[in-house]
């Protein structure tokens, strides 16, 4: 989720501003609640042409070992072979499939490929460009919101346990959100 609208930065290469970006997920827990988490280490790049509003080449790489739910035992379990298998599959990637026209405040669907645990599947990401601004030090920032849902089982995250009274510990549907900013590369 990266782009730019400053005339001085036409068709510039961009990178995620990791200090101002969050990649988060939410999944049902014990049927009646949910668990939220985030990934603390990631990077992303793209190219945006302000004249044509064309976003292309978006690629995001997330370090699976950086999963953080604020619960050390759960995070260790998520890094294990029963979930992300971070030792064998250290990176989750999203690669944009084709260029898209993006304009401020107008949600668009970005098609791409999500790869996790060695499984690649097409996904559509709801992406909204929030605008651009120059910080007090002269750096241009671009804001965005992005969201999509996946079925974790489609990517080999199969672990679960039945609970008393019916249901399972972990839901299948995972909502993924990225909110943040980009900078010139």
N, C-alpha and C. Protein backbone atom coordinates (compact mmCIF):
# COMPACT_ATOMS: atom_id res chain seq x y z
N UNK A 1 0.83 -1.15 0.00
CA UNK A 1 0.00 0.00 0.00
C UNK A 1 0.88 1.22 0.00
N UNK A 2 1.28 1.65 -1.15
CA UNK A 2 2.26 2.72 -1.24
C UNK A 2 1.94 3.65 -2.39
N UNK A 3 2.03 4.97 -2.21
CA UNK A 3 1.88 5.90 -3.31
C UNK A 3 2.22 7.32 -2.94
N UNK A 4 2.18 8.20 -3.93
CA UNK A 4 2.63 9.58 -3.73
C UNK A 4 1.87 10.51 -4.65
N UNK A 5 1.58 11.74 -4.19
CA UNK A 5 0.91 12.70 -5.06
C UNK A 5 1.65 14.01 -5.17
N UNK A 6 2.82 14.13 -4.64
CA UNK A 6 3.56 15.39 -4.74
C UNK A 6 4.10 15.57 -6.14
N UNK A 7 3.89 16.73 -6.78
CA UNK A 7 4.43 16.95 -8.11
C UNK A 7 5.94 16.77 -8.16
N UNK A 8 6.64 17.02 -7.07
CA UNK A 8 8.09 16.86 -7.06
C UNK A 8 8.50 15.39 -7.06
N UNK A 9 7.54 14.50 -6.82
CA UNK A 9 7.87 13.08 -6.69
C UNK A 9 7.16 12.23 -7.74
N UNK A 10 6.98 12.74 -8.94
CA UNK A 10 6.27 12.01 -9.98
C UNK A 10 6.95 10.68 -10.26
N UNK A 11 6.16 9.62 -10.34
CA UNK A 11 6.62 8.28 -10.68
C UNK A 11 7.80 7.85 -9.82
N UNK A 12 7.77 8.24 -8.58
CA UNK A 12 8.86 7.90 -7.68
C UNK A 12 8.71 6.50 -7.11
N UNK A 13 9.85 5.92 -6.81
CA UNK A 13 9.87 4.69 -6.04
C UNK A 13 9.62 5.06 -4.59
N UNK A 14 8.82 4.25 -3.92
CA UNK A 14 8.45 4.50 -2.53
C UNK A 14 8.77 3.30 -1.66
N UNK A 15 8.86 3.54 -0.35
CA UNK A 15 9.05 2.47 0.61
C UNK A 15 8.14 2.72 1.80
N UNK A 16 7.77 1.64 2.48
CA UNK A 16 6.99 1.80 3.70
C UNK A 16 7.81 2.54 4.74
N UNK A 17 7.18 3.47 5.41
CA UNK A 17 7.76 4.13 6.57
C UNK A 17 7.42 3.24 7.77
N UNK A 18 8.32 2.32 8.09
CA UNK A 18 8.00 1.29 9.09
C UNK A 18 7.76 1.85 10.48
N UNK A 19 8.28 3.04 10.77
CA UNK A 19 8.03 3.62 12.09
C UNK A 19 6.63 4.22 12.21
N UNK A 20 5.93 4.36 11.08
CA UNK A 20 4.57 4.91 11.09
C UNK A 20 3.57 3.99 10.40
N UNK A 21 3.89 2.70 10.36
CA UNK A 21 3.01 1.72 9.70
C UNK A 21 2.79 0.54 10.62
N UNK A 22 1.58 0.00 10.60
CA UNK A 22 1.25 -1.21 11.37
C UNK A 22 0.61 -2.22 10.43
N UNK A 23 1.03 -3.47 10.58
CA UNK A 23 0.39 -4.59 9.89
C UNK A 23 -0.19 -5.49 10.97
N UNK A 24 -1.51 -5.56 11.01
CA UNK A 24 -2.22 -6.22 12.11
C UNK A 24 -3.14 -7.31 11.59
N UNK A 25 -3.51 -8.21 12.49
CA UNK A 25 -4.49 -9.25 12.15
C UNK A 25 -5.42 -9.47 13.33
N UNK A 26 -6.62 -9.97 13.00
CA UNK A 26 -7.62 -10.32 14.00
C UNK A 26 -8.21 -11.66 13.61
N UNK A 27 -8.36 -12.55 14.60
CA UNK A 27 -8.94 -13.88 14.36
C UNK A 27 -9.81 -14.25 15.56
N UNK A 28 -10.91 -14.96 15.30
CA UNK A 28 -11.81 -15.38 16.37
C UNK A 28 -11.08 -16.32 17.34
N UNK A 29 -11.43 -16.18 18.62
CA UNK A 29 -10.84 -17.00 19.68
C UNK A 29 -11.96 -17.52 20.57
N UNK A 30 -12.00 -18.84 20.76
CA UNK A 30 -13.00 -19.49 21.61
C UNK A 30 -14.43 -19.10 21.24
N UNK A 31 -14.68 -18.85 19.99
CA UNK A 31 -15.99 -18.55 19.40
C UNK A 31 -16.55 -17.19 19.83
N UNK A 32 -16.30 -16.76 21.07
CA UNK A 32 -16.97 -15.58 21.60
C UNK A 32 -16.08 -14.34 21.67
N UNK A 33 -14.85 -14.45 21.25
CA UNK A 33 -13.93 -13.33 21.37
C UNK A 33 -13.02 -13.29 20.15
N UNK A 34 -11.98 -12.47 20.21
CA UNK A 34 -10.99 -12.44 19.14
C UNK A 34 -9.62 -12.12 19.71
N UNK A 35 -8.61 -12.51 18.96
CA UNK A 35 -7.22 -12.20 19.29
C UNK A 35 -6.71 -11.25 18.22
N UNK A 36 -6.03 -10.21 18.67
CA UNK A 36 -5.39 -9.26 17.76
C UNK A 36 -3.88 -9.43 17.89
N UNK A 37 -3.22 -9.22 16.78
CA UNK A 37 -1.78 -9.27 16.78
C UNK A 37 -1.23 -8.39 15.69
N UNK A 38 0.08 -8.35 15.61
CA UNK A 38 0.73 -7.55 14.58
C UNK A 38 2.06 -8.20 14.23
N UNK A 39 2.64 -7.71 13.17
CA UNK A 39 4.00 -8.10 12.79
C UNK A 39 4.87 -6.87 12.99
N UNK A 40 5.97 -7.05 13.71
CA UNK A 40 6.83 -5.92 14.05
C UNK A 40 7.91 -5.63 13.02
N UNK A 41 8.22 -6.59 12.15
CA UNK A 41 9.27 -6.39 11.15
C UNK A 41 8.73 -6.68 9.75
N UNK A 42 8.84 -5.68 8.89
CA UNK A 42 8.34 -5.80 7.51
C UNK A 42 8.98 -4.70 6.68
N UNK A 43 8.83 -4.82 5.38
CA UNK A 43 9.28 -3.79 4.44
C UNK A 43 8.37 -3.83 3.23
N UNK A 44 8.35 -2.75 2.50
CA UNK A 44 7.53 -2.71 1.30
C UNK A 44 7.99 -1.62 0.36
N UNK A 45 7.76 -1.86 -0.93
CA UNK A 45 8.12 -0.90 -1.97
C UNK A 45 7.03 -0.86 -3.03
N UNK A 46 7.00 0.23 -3.78
CA UNK A 46 6.07 0.37 -4.91
C UNK A 46 6.50 1.58 -5.73
N UNK A 47 5.79 1.77 -6.83
CA UNK A 47 6.01 2.95 -7.67
C UNK A 47 4.64 3.57 -7.92
N UNK A 48 4.58 4.90 -7.82
CA UNK A 48 3.33 5.62 -8.08
C UNK A 48 3.60 6.80 -8.98
N UNK A 49 2.80 6.95 -10.04
CA UNK A 49 2.90 8.08 -10.96
C UNK A 49 1.74 9.03 -10.67
N UNK A 50 2.07 10.18 -10.13
CA UNK A 50 1.05 11.14 -9.74
C UNK A 50 0.24 11.65 -10.93
N UNK A 51 0.86 11.78 -12.09
CA UNK A 51 0.14 12.27 -13.27
C UNK A 51 -0.96 11.32 -13.71
N UNK A 52 -0.69 10.05 -13.65
CA UNK A 52 -1.65 9.05 -14.13
C UNK A 52 -2.39 8.35 -12.99
N UNK A 53 -2.01 8.62 -11.74
CA UNK A 53 -2.56 7.95 -10.56
C UNK A 53 -2.32 6.44 -10.60
N UNK A 54 -1.27 6.04 -11.26
CA UNK A 54 -0.97 4.62 -11.46
C UNK A 54 -0.04 4.09 -10.37
N UNK A 55 -0.52 3.09 -9.64
CA UNK A 55 0.26 2.38 -8.62
C UNK A 55 0.67 1.04 -9.19
N UNK A 56 1.96 0.71 -9.13
CA UNK A 56 2.41 -0.57 -9.65
C UNK A 56 3.61 -1.08 -8.86
N UNK A 57 3.87 -2.37 -9.02
CA UNK A 57 5.04 -2.97 -8.41
C UNK A 57 5.01 -3.05 -6.90
N UNK A 58 3.83 -2.97 -6.30
CA UNK A 58 3.73 -3.05 -4.85
C UNK A 58 4.17 -4.43 -4.38
N UNK A 59 5.12 -4.44 -3.45
CA UNK A 59 5.58 -5.68 -2.84
C UNK A 59 5.83 -5.45 -1.36
N UNK A 60 5.24 -6.30 -0.54
CA UNK A 60 5.40 -6.22 0.91
C UNK A 60 5.96 -7.54 1.40
N UNK A 61 6.97 -7.48 2.28
CA UNK A 61 7.58 -8.66 2.88
C UNK A 61 7.49 -8.53 4.39
N UNK A 62 6.92 -9.56 5.01
CA UNK A 62 6.69 -9.57 6.46
C UNK A 62 7.50 -10.71 7.08
N UNK A 63 8.24 -10.42 8.13
CA UNK A 63 9.02 -11.43 8.84
C UNK A 63 8.08 -12.18 9.80
N UNK A 64 7.88 -13.49 9.55
CA UNK A 64 6.94 -14.26 10.38
C UNK A 64 7.39 -14.35 11.83
N UNK A 65 8.68 -14.37 12.08
CA UNK A 65 9.17 -14.47 13.46
C UNK A 65 8.86 -13.22 14.27
N UNK A 66 8.44 -12.15 13.61
CA UNK A 66 8.15 -10.89 14.32
C UNK A 66 6.69 -10.82 14.79
N UNK A 67 5.95 -11.92 14.71
CA UNK A 67 4.56 -11.92 15.15
C UNK A 67 4.51 -11.54 16.63
N UNK A 68 3.51 -10.70 16.98
CA UNK A 68 3.43 -10.17 18.33
C UNK A 68 1.96 -10.02 18.72
N UNK A 69 1.53 -10.84 19.69
CA UNK A 69 0.17 -10.74 20.22
C UNK A 69 0.18 -10.29 21.69
N UNK A 70 1.34 -9.86 22.15
CA UNK A 70 1.53 -9.46 23.55
C UNK A 70 1.36 -10.61 24.53
N UNK A 71 1.60 -11.81 24.07
CA UNK A 71 1.55 -13.00 24.91
C UNK A 71 2.67 -13.93 24.43
N UNK A 72 3.77 -14.00 25.15
CA UNK A 72 4.98 -14.71 24.71
C UNK A 72 4.72 -16.17 24.35
N UNK A 73 3.96 -16.90 25.16
CA UNK A 73 3.71 -18.32 24.86
C UNK A 73 2.91 -18.48 23.57
N UNK A 74 1.92 -17.62 23.38
CA UNK A 74 1.12 -17.70 22.15
C UNK A 74 1.99 -17.33 20.95
N UNK A 75 2.83 -16.31 21.08
CA UNK A 75 3.71 -15.91 19.98
C UNK A 75 4.67 -17.03 19.62
N UNK A 76 5.23 -17.73 20.61
CA UNK A 76 6.10 -18.87 20.33
C UNK A 76 5.33 -19.96 19.59
N UNK A 77 4.07 -20.20 19.99
CA UNK A 77 3.24 -21.19 19.30
C UNK A 77 2.98 -20.76 17.85
N UNK A 78 2.70 -19.49 17.64
CA UNK A 78 2.46 -18.99 16.29
C UNK A 78 3.71 -19.11 15.40
N UNK A 79 4.89 -19.00 15.98
CA UNK A 79 6.14 -19.15 15.22
C UNK A 79 6.45 -20.61 14.90
N UNK A 80 5.83 -21.53 15.62
CA UNK A 80 6.12 -22.96 15.49
C UNK A 80 5.57 -23.54 14.19
N UNK A 81 5.93 -24.80 13.93
CA UNK A 81 5.47 -25.51 12.72
C UNK A 81 3.96 -25.67 12.69
N UNK A 82 3.28 -25.56 13.83
CA UNK A 82 1.82 -25.69 13.85
C UNK A 82 1.11 -24.47 13.25
N UNK A 83 1.83 -23.35 13.15
CA UNK A 83 1.25 -22.16 12.53
C UNK A 83 2.16 -21.65 11.41
N UNK A 84 2.91 -20.57 11.66
CA UNK A 84 3.71 -19.94 10.60
C UNK A 84 4.95 -20.73 10.20
N UNK A 85 5.45 -21.59 11.07
CA UNK A 85 6.70 -22.34 10.82
C UNK A 85 7.78 -21.36 10.38
N UNK A 86 8.07 -20.39 11.26
CA UNK A 86 8.96 -19.27 10.94
C UNK A 86 10.37 -19.71 10.56
N UNK A 87 10.86 -20.83 11.09
CA UNK A 87 12.20 -21.29 10.71
C UNK A 87 12.24 -21.73 9.25
N UNK A 88 11.20 -22.42 8.81
CA UNK A 88 11.15 -22.92 7.44
C UNK A 88 10.62 -21.88 6.45
N UNK A 89 9.69 -21.04 6.91
CA UNK A 89 9.04 -20.02 6.06
C UNK A 89 9.16 -18.66 6.73
N UNK A 90 10.31 -18.02 6.63
CA UNK A 90 10.56 -16.79 7.39
C UNK A 90 9.84 -15.55 6.88
N UNK A 91 9.26 -15.60 5.68
CA UNK A 91 8.68 -14.39 5.09
C UNK A 91 7.29 -14.67 4.51
N UNK A 92 6.37 -13.76 4.78
CA UNK A 92 5.07 -13.70 4.10
C UNK A 92 5.19 -12.58 3.08
N UNK A 93 4.73 -12.80 1.85
CA UNK A 93 4.83 -11.75 0.84
C UNK A 93 3.47 -11.44 0.22
N UNK A 94 3.30 -10.19 -0.17
CA UNK A 94 2.20 -9.77 -1.04
C UNK A 94 2.84 -9.09 -2.23
N UNK A 95 2.44 -9.51 -3.44
CA UNK A 95 2.95 -8.90 -4.67
C UNK A 95 1.75 -8.49 -5.51
N UNK A 96 1.69 -7.22 -5.84
CA UNK A 96 0.61 -6.68 -6.67
C UNK A 96 0.64 -7.35 -8.05
N UNK A 97 -0.53 -7.77 -8.55
CA UNK A 97 -0.62 -8.50 -9.81
C UNK A 97 -0.61 -7.58 -11.03
N UNK A 98 -1.27 -6.44 -10.93
CA UNK A 98 -1.34 -5.54 -12.09
C UNK A 98 -1.48 -4.11 -11.58
N UNK A 99 -1.08 -3.14 -12.41
CA UNK A 99 -1.19 -1.74 -11.99
C UNK A 99 -2.64 -1.38 -11.65
N UNK A 100 -2.79 -0.39 -10.79
CA UNK A 100 -4.12 0.08 -10.39
C UNK A 100 -4.13 1.60 -10.37
N UNK A 101 -5.30 2.17 -10.64
CA UNK A 101 -5.48 3.61 -10.53
C UNK A 101 -5.98 3.91 -9.12
N UNK A 102 -5.23 4.75 -8.39
CA UNK A 102 -5.59 5.08 -7.01
C UNK A 102 -5.63 6.59 -6.84
N UNK A 103 -6.70 7.05 -6.21
CA UNK A 103 -6.88 8.47 -5.95
C UNK A 103 -7.29 8.69 -4.50
N UNK A 104 -6.98 9.85 -3.98
CA UNK A 104 -7.24 10.18 -2.59
C UNK A 104 -8.69 9.94 -2.19
N UNK A 105 -8.88 9.18 -1.11
CA UNK A 105 -10.20 8.96 -0.55
C UNK A 105 -11.10 8.02 -1.31
N UNK A 106 -10.62 7.41 -2.38
CA UNK A 106 -11.44 6.51 -3.20
C UNK A 106 -10.94 5.07 -3.02
N UNK A 107 -11.70 4.23 -2.30
CA UNK A 107 -11.25 2.85 -2.12
C UNK A 107 -11.19 2.11 -3.45
N UNK A 108 -10.15 1.32 -3.64
CA UNK A 108 -10.00 0.49 -4.83
C UNK A 108 -9.58 -0.91 -4.38
N UNK A 109 -9.79 -1.89 -5.26
CA UNK A 109 -9.30 -3.24 -4.99
C UNK A 109 -7.99 -3.44 -5.72
N UNK A 110 -6.96 -3.78 -4.96
CA UNK A 110 -5.67 -4.15 -5.54
C UNK A 110 -5.61 -5.67 -5.59
N UNK A 111 -5.44 -6.21 -6.79
CA UNK A 111 -5.30 -7.66 -6.89
C UNK A 111 -3.82 -8.01 -6.76
N UNK A 112 -3.58 -9.16 -6.15
CA UNK A 112 -2.21 -9.59 -5.96
C UNK A 112 -2.14 -11.01 -5.49
N UNK A 113 -0.92 -11.43 -5.17
CA UNK A 113 -0.68 -12.79 -4.69
C UNK A 113 -0.10 -12.72 -3.29
N UNK A 114 -0.73 -13.43 -2.37
CA UNK A 114 -0.23 -13.57 -1.01
C UNK A 114 0.43 -14.93 -0.90
N UNK A 115 1.66 -14.96 -0.39
CA UNK A 115 2.38 -16.21 -0.19
C UNK A 115 2.72 -16.35 1.28
N UNK A 116 2.28 -17.49 1.85
CA UNK A 116 2.52 -17.78 3.25
C UNK A 116 2.72 -19.29 3.39
N UNK A 117 3.73 -19.70 4.14
CA UNK A 117 4.05 -21.12 4.33
C UNK A 117 4.23 -21.85 3.01
N UNK A 118 4.74 -21.17 1.99
CA UNK A 118 4.99 -21.78 0.70
C UNK A 118 3.78 -21.91 -0.19
N UNK A 119 2.64 -21.39 0.26
CA UNK A 119 1.39 -21.45 -0.51
C UNK A 119 1.08 -20.05 -1.05
N UNK A 120 0.85 -19.94 -2.34
CA UNK A 120 0.52 -18.66 -2.98
C UNK A 120 -0.93 -18.69 -3.44
N UNK A 121 -1.67 -17.65 -3.08
CA UNK A 121 -3.09 -17.54 -3.44
C UNK A 121 -3.39 -16.10 -3.87
N UNK A 122 -4.30 -15.94 -4.83
CA UNK A 122 -4.72 -14.58 -5.20
C UNK A 122 -5.56 -13.96 -4.08
N UNK A 123 -5.38 -12.67 -3.85
CA UNK A 123 -6.19 -11.92 -2.88
C UNK A 123 -6.51 -10.56 -3.48
N UNK A 124 -7.61 -9.99 -3.01
CA UNK A 124 -7.98 -8.62 -3.37
C UNK A 124 -7.94 -7.78 -2.11
N UNK A 125 -7.15 -6.73 -2.15
CA UNK A 125 -6.95 -5.86 -1.00
C UNK A 125 -7.73 -4.57 -1.20
N UNK A 126 -8.59 -4.23 -0.25
CA UNK A 126 -9.28 -2.94 -0.27
C UNK A 126 -8.28 -1.88 0.18
N UNK A 127 -7.97 -0.95 -0.72
CA UNK A 127 -6.91 0.03 -0.49
C UNK A 127 -7.48 1.44 -0.62
N UNK A 128 -7.19 2.29 0.36
CA UNK A 128 -7.62 3.68 0.30
C UNK A 128 -6.40 4.58 0.53
N UNK A 129 -6.13 5.42 -0.43
CA UNK A 129 -5.07 6.42 -0.32
C UNK A 129 -5.62 7.58 0.51
N UNK A 130 -4.90 8.00 1.54
CA UNK A 130 -5.38 9.02 2.48
C UNK A 130 -4.85 10.42 2.20
N UNK A 131 -3.87 10.55 1.31
CA UNK A 131 -3.32 11.87 1.00
C UNK A 131 -1.83 11.92 1.28
N UNK A 132 -1.22 13.08 0.95
CA UNK A 132 0.21 13.26 1.16
C UNK A 132 0.46 14.54 1.94
N UNK A 133 1.62 14.59 2.58
CA UNK A 133 1.99 15.78 3.34
C UNK A 133 3.50 15.83 3.50
N UNK A 134 4.01 17.02 3.73
CA UNK A 134 5.44 17.20 3.97
C UNK A 134 5.64 17.44 5.46
N UNK A 135 6.56 16.68 6.07
CA UNK A 135 6.84 16.87 7.49
C UNK A 135 7.74 18.09 7.71
N UNK A 136 7.95 18.50 8.96
CA UNK A 136 8.76 19.70 9.23
C UNK A 136 10.21 19.61 8.74
N UNK A 137 10.68 18.42 8.39
CA UNK A 137 12.05 18.23 7.91
C UNK A 137 12.12 18.11 6.39
N UNK A 138 10.98 18.32 5.71
CA UNK A 138 10.97 18.32 4.25
C UNK A 138 10.71 16.98 3.60
N UNK A 139 10.39 15.95 4.39
CA UNK A 139 10.13 14.61 3.83
C UNK A 139 8.66 14.47 3.46
N UNK A 140 8.39 13.97 2.25
CA UNK A 140 7.01 13.71 1.83
C UNK A 140 6.54 12.37 2.37
N UNK A 141 5.36 12.34 2.94
CA UNK A 141 4.72 11.12 3.44
C UNK A 141 3.41 10.95 2.70
N UNK A 142 3.02 9.69 2.49
CA UNK A 142 1.73 9.37 1.89
C UNK A 142 1.03 8.39 2.83
N UNK A 143 -0.24 8.64 3.11
CA UNK A 143 -0.98 7.77 4.02
C UNK A 143 -1.89 6.82 3.29
N UNK A 144 -2.14 5.66 3.91
CA UNK A 144 -3.00 4.65 3.30
C UNK A 144 -3.64 3.77 4.36
N UNK A 145 -4.74 3.15 4.00
CA UNK A 145 -5.38 2.06 4.75
C UNK A 145 -5.56 0.92 3.78
N UNK A 146 -5.31 -0.30 4.22
CA UNK A 146 -5.52 -1.48 3.38
C UNK A 146 -6.08 -2.60 4.25
N UNK A 147 -6.96 -3.42 3.68
CA UNK A 147 -7.54 -4.52 4.45
C UNK A 147 -7.99 -5.64 3.52
N UNK A 148 -7.90 -6.86 4.02
CA UNK A 148 -8.44 -8.02 3.31
C UNK A 148 -8.61 -9.16 4.30
N UNK A 149 -9.32 -10.20 3.87
CA UNK A 149 -9.56 -11.38 4.71
C UNK A 149 -9.07 -12.61 3.98
N UNK A 150 -8.60 -13.57 4.76
CA UNK A 150 -8.19 -14.86 4.21
C UNK A 150 -8.74 -15.97 5.10
N UNK A 151 -8.78 -17.17 4.55
CA UNK A 151 -9.02 -18.36 5.34
C UNK A 151 -7.64 -18.93 5.64
N UNK A 152 -7.26 -18.99 6.91
CA UNK A 152 -5.90 -19.42 7.29
C UNK A 152 -5.61 -20.84 6.82
N UNK A 153 -6.63 -21.69 6.73
CA UNK A 153 -6.42 -23.07 6.30
C UNK A 153 -5.96 -23.14 4.84
N UNK A 154 -6.34 -22.15 4.03
CA UNK A 154 -5.90 -22.11 2.64
C UNK A 154 -4.38 -22.00 2.53
N UNK A 155 -3.74 -21.54 3.61
CA UNK A 155 -2.29 -21.34 3.62
C UNK A 155 -1.57 -22.34 4.54
N UNK A 156 -2.27 -23.41 4.91
CA UNK A 156 -1.64 -24.46 5.70
C UNK A 156 -1.55 -24.19 7.19
N UNK A 157 -2.25 -23.18 7.69
CA UNK A 157 -2.30 -22.93 9.13
C UNK A 157 -3.50 -23.70 9.68
N UNK A 158 -3.29 -24.97 9.97
CA UNK A 158 -4.38 -25.89 10.26
C UNK A 158 -4.65 -26.15 11.73
N UNK A 159 -3.72 -25.84 12.62
CA UNK A 159 -3.86 -26.19 14.02
C UNK A 159 -5.14 -25.65 14.61
N UNK A 160 -5.79 -26.47 15.44
CA UNK A 160 -6.97 -26.05 16.17
C UNK A 160 -7.28 -27.08 17.23
N UNK A 161 -8.15 -26.73 18.15
CA UNK A 161 -8.64 -27.65 19.18
C UNK A 161 -10.12 -27.39 19.38
N UNK A 162 -10.86 -28.48 19.52
CA UNK A 162 -12.29 -28.36 19.83
C UNK A 162 -12.44 -27.90 21.27
N UNK A 163 -13.49 -27.13 21.52
CA UNK A 163 -13.76 -26.66 22.88
C UNK A 163 -15.07 -27.28 23.38
N UNK A 164 -15.16 -27.40 24.68
CA UNK A 164 -16.34 -27.96 25.31
C UNK A 164 -17.56 -27.11 24.96
N UNK A 165 -18.64 -27.73 24.60
CA UNK A 165 -19.86 -27.01 24.25
C UNK A 165 -19.96 -26.69 22.76
N UNK A 166 -18.95 -27.09 22.00
CA UNK A 166 -18.98 -26.86 20.56
C UNK A 166 -18.10 -25.70 20.14
N UNK A 167 -17.61 -25.79 18.95
CA UNK A 167 -16.74 -24.75 18.43
C UNK A 167 -15.28 -25.13 18.55
N UNK A 168 -14.43 -24.19 18.14
CA UNK A 168 -12.99 -24.43 18.15
C UNK A 168 -12.28 -23.22 18.78
N UNK A 169 -11.01 -23.43 19.14
CA UNK A 169 -10.24 -22.36 19.78
C UNK A 169 -9.96 -21.20 18.84
N UNK A 170 -9.63 -21.50 17.56
CA UNK A 170 -9.20 -20.47 16.63
C UNK A 170 -10.10 -20.48 15.39
N UNK A 171 -10.62 -19.32 15.02
CA UNK A 171 -11.44 -19.22 13.82
C UNK A 171 -10.62 -19.40 12.56
N UNK A 172 -11.29 -19.69 11.46
CA UNK A 172 -10.61 -19.88 10.18
C UNK A 172 -10.36 -18.56 9.46
N UNK A 173 -11.30 -17.61 9.58
CA UNK A 173 -11.16 -16.34 8.87
C UNK A 173 -10.25 -15.38 9.64
N UNK A 174 -9.29 -14.81 8.93
CA UNK A 174 -8.36 -13.85 9.52
C UNK A 174 -8.49 -12.53 8.75
N UNK A 175 -8.72 -11.46 9.50
CA UNK A 175 -8.77 -10.14 8.91
C UNK A 175 -7.39 -9.50 9.05
N UNK A 176 -6.85 -9.00 7.95
CA UNK A 176 -5.53 -8.39 7.94
C UNK A 176 -5.68 -6.93 7.55
N UNK A 177 -5.03 -6.05 8.32
CA UNK A 177 -5.10 -4.61 8.05
C UNK A 177 -3.70 -4.03 8.07
N UNK A 178 -3.48 -3.09 7.18
CA UNK A 178 -2.24 -2.30 7.18
C UNK A 178 -2.65 -0.84 7.15
N UNK A 179 -2.12 -0.08 8.06
CA UNK A 179 -2.40 1.36 8.15
C UNK A 179 -1.06 2.05 8.30
N UNK A 180 -0.83 3.06 7.47
CA UNK A 180 0.47 3.70 7.63
C UNK A 180 0.82 4.73 6.60
N UNK A 181 2.14 4.84 6.39
CA UNK A 181 2.70 5.87 5.55
C UNK A 181 3.83 5.32 4.69
N UNK A 182 4.10 6.04 3.61
CA UNK A 182 5.26 5.75 2.76
C UNK A 182 6.16 6.98 2.68
N UNK A 183 7.37 6.74 2.22
CA UNK A 183 8.37 7.78 1.99
C UNK A 183 9.04 7.50 0.65
N UNK A 184 9.70 8.49 0.05
CA UNK A 184 10.49 8.19 -1.15
C UNK A 184 11.57 7.18 -0.81
N UNK A 185 11.83 6.27 -1.74
CA UNK A 185 12.84 5.23 -1.53
C UNK A 185 14.23 5.79 -1.59
